[in-house]
């Protein structure tokens, strides 16, 4: 009796993992995402740090390949981020970072 996996195909997961490993290796060697990579990436605006079972980002997304434009999304697990250079790498893709949402501080 063979176990049934919850995936129809593991090929997409393997491709995503291979792309992530390549990006991590490049980053560990001091490489940054190219301007071409970033221009092809969705824009995550009004973003902030968030947590699922793992750290992620939330915000409004524009030009996402599956979601299009949505006012409220959360990304897959956050792997790398450079807020000064305005990019992040999640489990599944790069994001260009727009304006960071700053928490409001209430006066007492």
Protein backbone atom coordinates (compact mmCIF):
# COMPACT_ATOMS: atom_id res chain seq x y z
CA UNK A 1 0.00 0.00 0.00
CA UNK A 2 1.46 3.35 -1.00
CA UNK A 3 0.92 6.60 0.84
CA UNK A 4 -0.96 9.33 -0.99
CA UNK A 5 0.71 12.73 -0.97
CA UNK A 6 -1.46 15.85 -0.73
CA UNK A 7 0.16 17.14 -3.95
CA UNK A 8 -0.84 16.19 -7.47
CA UNK A 9 2.74 16.83 -8.48
CA UNK A 10 5.86 17.66 -6.55
CA UNK A 11 7.47 19.31 -9.58
CA UNK A 12 6.22 22.87 -8.79
CA UNK A 13 7.45 22.57 -5.19
CA UNK A 14 10.84 21.33 -6.41
CA UNK A 15 11.10 24.26 -8.85
CA UNK A 16 10.25 26.73 -6.08
CA UNK A 17 12.81 25.18 -3.75
CA UNK A 18 15.50 25.20 -6.45
CA UNK A 19 14.83 28.89 -7.17
CA UNK A 20 14.96 29.66 -3.43
CA UNK A 21 18.26 27.79 -2.99
CA UNK A 22 19.75 29.67 -5.96
CA UNK A 23 18.64 33.02 -4.50
CA UNK A 24 20.02 32.11 -1.06
CA UNK A 25 23.37 31.05 -2.56
CA UNK A 26 23.57 34.28 -4.55
CA UNK A 27 22.76 36.33 -1.46
CA UNK A 28 25.36 34.51 0.65
CA UNK A 29 27.94 35.50 -2.00
CA UNK A 30 26.93 39.16 -1.73
CA UNK A 31 24.72 39.23 -4.81
CA UNK A 32 21.56 41.35 -4.79
CA UNK A 33 18.50 40.77 -6.98
CA UNK A 34 18.91 42.42 -10.38
CA UNK A 35 16.81 45.37 -11.46
CA UNK A 36 15.23 43.07 -14.07
CA UNK A 37 14.26 40.56 -11.33
CA UNK A 38 12.80 43.31 -9.17
CA UNK A 39 10.86 44.95 -12.01
CA UNK A 40 9.30 41.55 -12.78
CA UNK A 41 8.34 41.12 -9.10
CA UNK A 42 5.02 42.17 -7.54
CA UNK A 43 4.95 45.40 -5.53
CA UNK A 44 3.98 44.96 -1.86
CA UNK A 45 2.82 48.35 -0.61
CA UNK A 46 1.91 49.50 2.92
CA UNK A 47 3.85 46.42 4.10
CA UNK A 48 4.67 45.38 7.63
CA UNK A 49 6.12 42.38 9.39
CA UNK A 50 3.64 39.74 10.46
CA UNK A 51 3.59 36.18 11.75
CA UNK A 52 1.80 33.04 10.70
CA UNK A 53 3.37 29.90 12.03
CA UNK A 54 6.44 31.63 10.54
CA UNK A 55 7.40 35.26 9.82
CA UNK A 56 5.81 36.78 6.72
CA UNK A 57 4.85 40.17 5.34
CA UNK A 58 1.39 41.68 4.95
CA UNK A 59 0.29 44.51 2.70
CA UNK A 60 -1.44 45.40 -0.53
CA UNK A 61 -0.02 43.65 -3.58
CA UNK A 62 0.13 44.84 -7.19
CA UNK A 63 0.98 42.77 -10.28
CA UNK A 64 1.09 39.43 -8.45
CA UNK A 65 1.23 36.58 -10.98
CA UNK A 66 -1.64 34.67 -9.33
CA UNK A 67 -3.52 37.27 -7.28
CA UNK A 68 -3.26 40.34 -9.49
CA UNK A 69 -3.85 43.37 -7.25
CA UNK A 70 -5.33 42.84 -3.76
CA UNK A 71 -5.65 45.34 -0.90
CA UNK A 72 -4.84 42.84 1.88
CA UNK A 73 -2.56 39.85 1.49
CA UNK A 74 0.06 37.98 3.45
CA UNK A 75 3.09 36.52 1.79
CA UNK A 76 4.56 33.09 2.17
CA UNK A 77 7.33 32.70 4.76
CA UNK A 78 9.82 35.58 4.81
CA UNK A 79 13.36 34.37 4.04
CA UNK A 80 15.41 37.51 3.25
CA UNK A 81 14.68 41.23 3.39
CA UNK A 82 16.56 44.43 2.66
CA UNK A 83 14.19 47.30 3.50
CA UNK A 84 16.79 49.95 2.56
CA UNK A 85 17.18 48.48 -0.94
CA UNK A 86 13.41 47.85 -0.99
CA UNK A 87 13.19 44.12 -1.67
CA UNK A 88 12.23 40.93 0.11
CA UNK A 89 12.52 37.23 -0.76
CA UNK A 90 9.75 35.00 0.54
CA UNK A 91 9.51 31.27 0.16
CA UNK A 92 7.89 31.67 -3.25
CA UNK A 93 9.22 34.88 -4.85
CA UNK A 94 10.89 38.28 -4.67
CA UNK A 95 8.85 41.36 -3.81
CA UNK A 96 9.66 44.98 -4.47
CA UNK A 97 8.88 46.89 -1.30
CA UNK A 98 6.84 50.06 -1.44
CA UNK A 99 6.10 52.25 1.55
CA UNK A 100 6.44 50.51 4.93
CA UNK A 101 3.40 50.81 7.16
CA UNK A 102 4.50 52.30 10.46
CA UNK A 103 2.50 51.42 13.55
CA UNK A 104 0.59 54.29 15.06
CA UNK A 105 1.71 55.22 18.56
CA UNK A 106 -1.20 56.30 20.69
CA UNK A 107 -0.64 59.09 23.15
CA UNK A 108 -1.78 58.41 26.66
